[in-house]
Structures are given as structure tokens and as C-alpha cells.
Amino acid sequence: MPESFDPKSLSQSWALPSNPRPIVTFGAGSIVGDAHYPAYRKGGFPIAGLYDPDHDKAKALADAWGVTAYRSVEEAVSVENAIFDLATPPAAHSKVLSALPDGAPVLIQKPMGSDLDAATEILQICRRKNLKAAVNFQLRFAPMMLALKDAISKGLLGEVVDFDVYLALDTPWQLWAFLEGLPRIEIAMHSIHYLDLIRQVLGDPDGVHAKSIGHPNHKMAQTRTTAILDYGDRVRCAVSINHDHKFGRKHQACEFRVSGTEGAAYVQLGVNLDYPRGEPDILEIYPKGGKEWITVPLDGTWFPDAFVGRMANLQRFAAGEDKELVSSVEDAWMTMSLVEALYASNAAPATPLAARPE
């Protein structure tokens, strides 16, 4: 182990705001009770309450957390000094954003609309109302990913030249029956997290190649994706996703392999393995000048710790404590542009093979 590398020195968390503001949530889906509110309580963020068109559903969740269930959008947006948290379906984002006070800080659930046209509408609303708006691409704030990016910034890998995303697992799609019948699922609802993280590390690609398909054993539109992100002749980036590997845990995987000119990193995203129970996240580094893989002790997991960091950055930006709003709507629009390019590639014909000569 090189003396210059202490695995415990890598940054894994986001600084908390000095004076956290109350949070008002729109939506009462499972993600709120399973991830948002546990994270907000862990981070010490006050939760004012929530609104959902299904008031009984909102009341049950509000009672479980000891917060207010608002009876209307108007009542929810009237909370003073609030941070607004949109845990809403993509089609509902624009309506809620239009109702918010001008200049309000707001966190928007991913994806940023159902497609790029919807993302553009959301961007224009946020610009017109001068909203301090970010999209909830919280994987950027997971302890393992903060540490990975810190390792890259410190030069432990040299120049990053390979980025592989590989998933072969059994995703319980029955938990999200509302997805059945939607035209866009795998890339827009799942791999978008990985694509956004890749953009943060490598920047925007020059173009893409992609194929995303379903599976004969169910009716979901797409659950298997293969994609190449074109970063020129120096960097290779490949994404291989299979949510239908239902043959036992032994050969399942959910991992990133990031290689540089002088070092490498391996990441396991444990939450997706045996979901929703999950397995541990893992980060291992083979640092520049090293002779072995070194395990980085992780302080926290993607769920819920990434949600703490995501909200902390928004709160701190609203208070002037952070200069950058990570995954602002301006930046998130580019992730949506990448998603749109992948679907366009998927719809385009592949290069045919030449016919055998007669």
C-alpha cells in the first residue's frame, strides 16, 4: 500500500446546513416513507408535512411520521421558508412547480419529466419562476460514489479511460405494477442513475449506441439494455443491464468497474441485490503505485445516506453555504438529453451485415 493513500481519507459525506429549513413533500408513495423521510430525520432536517391527491394515503404516512397532511396544493405551498420536495410522477412535476412561490428551493424526483420535451417544459418553468431547482439524482451523493470521485480527483487512478456498468440480477418488477404499460422503463426509470453518474465523472459523450428490450416472461416494456457511450478514441464506456437474471444469487452482479491509466476502482451497488433488503455497498481501490486492491470502509449506504447529502446540498445552496447546486435542472436536462439519445438510437435500425455473394 502506498504511504500516500489512506482509504479512510476519502470523502464520503456532504456537509449539513447550519440552519435547516422545513421540508414540504408532494407525493405519498413508498419512496417517501422508505427513503426520503428516514434520510431527512437522519440528517436532522425538519419535516413540515406532505400533500397527495389521495388524502387518506397522505394522512396515513403523515401520522406515521408525526407531520401534517395538507388538504390542498395551496395549503402546502403556503408553508413559510420551506424547501419543497417533489416525490411525484414525472407527468405531475410541471403542475406542482407552477404552483410554487417564485424563487423557492425545490428538489424534483427523477426523471425530469417523461421525455426531453417534458424536461424542457420543466426547465422553462424553473427559469421563469427563478426556482432553485435540482433533480433527485441522489446516486451522486452515495458514500461509495463520493469516495470514488474523491479518489479520481486525487489522481489515484490516473486518467480514467474505462467505465463499465454491469448488472445481472433479479429485479422484483411486481413491486411497481404502475410501470406496466409505460413505453419507457429501464433507461428512463433505472439506468438514468448510472448515466447521470457517468456524466458527472466523464462529462457528456459525443454520441451513443443502444438497444433496450423487454423479456418474454413479463409485460414490462424494457428490462434489458446494452449501451455504448462514445467518448472518442481514448475512453471506453459500456453499460450492460439485465434485470431478468433469475437463476440464484451466485452469478448475479450490480457493479461499476472504473479503470484509469495508473489505477482502478470496483464498486458494488448493494441495494439492488436482493432488493429491497439489499446487500452491503462495496468500494475497492487499486491505487496508483499500489500492488493490491484496498477496501475502503464505507460510512453509510446509497439508501438512505445519499438522500441526506442530496437534501443537504440543496439546503446549503439555498442558504448561500454551497456555491454549486449539484444536479441543477440545467445540468439534469443534459442527463435527460442523454436518455433521449439512447431511446433514439434504440429506435434506429442497426447496421446490417453485408449479404453473402452469390
Foldseek 3Di string as FASTA:
>chain_A
DDPVDDLQPFDQAADFDPDAFEEEEEDLDPCCVFAQVVLCVVLVHHYAAYEYCPQVSRVVSCVVVVHDYDNDLLVRQPDPPYEYEYPDPQVCQLVSLLNHQQQHEYEHEPDNHPALVSLVSNVVSCVVSVYQYFYPLLVCNGRQNSRVVSCVVVCFQPAWAEKEWDFQEAFPCVVPVVQQPDQDDPVRPPCLSVLLSCCVRPNAAPAKAKAFQPDPVDRHGGQWMWMWGHRDDRHTYIYTGHNHNPDDDPPGFGWMWIHHPFKIKIWGQFCRHVPPVTDDIWIWIQTGVHDDIHTRDTDGHSGHRSSNRLVRLSRCVSVVNDPDNPRGSVSSSSSSVRSNRRVVNNPDDDDDDDDDDD
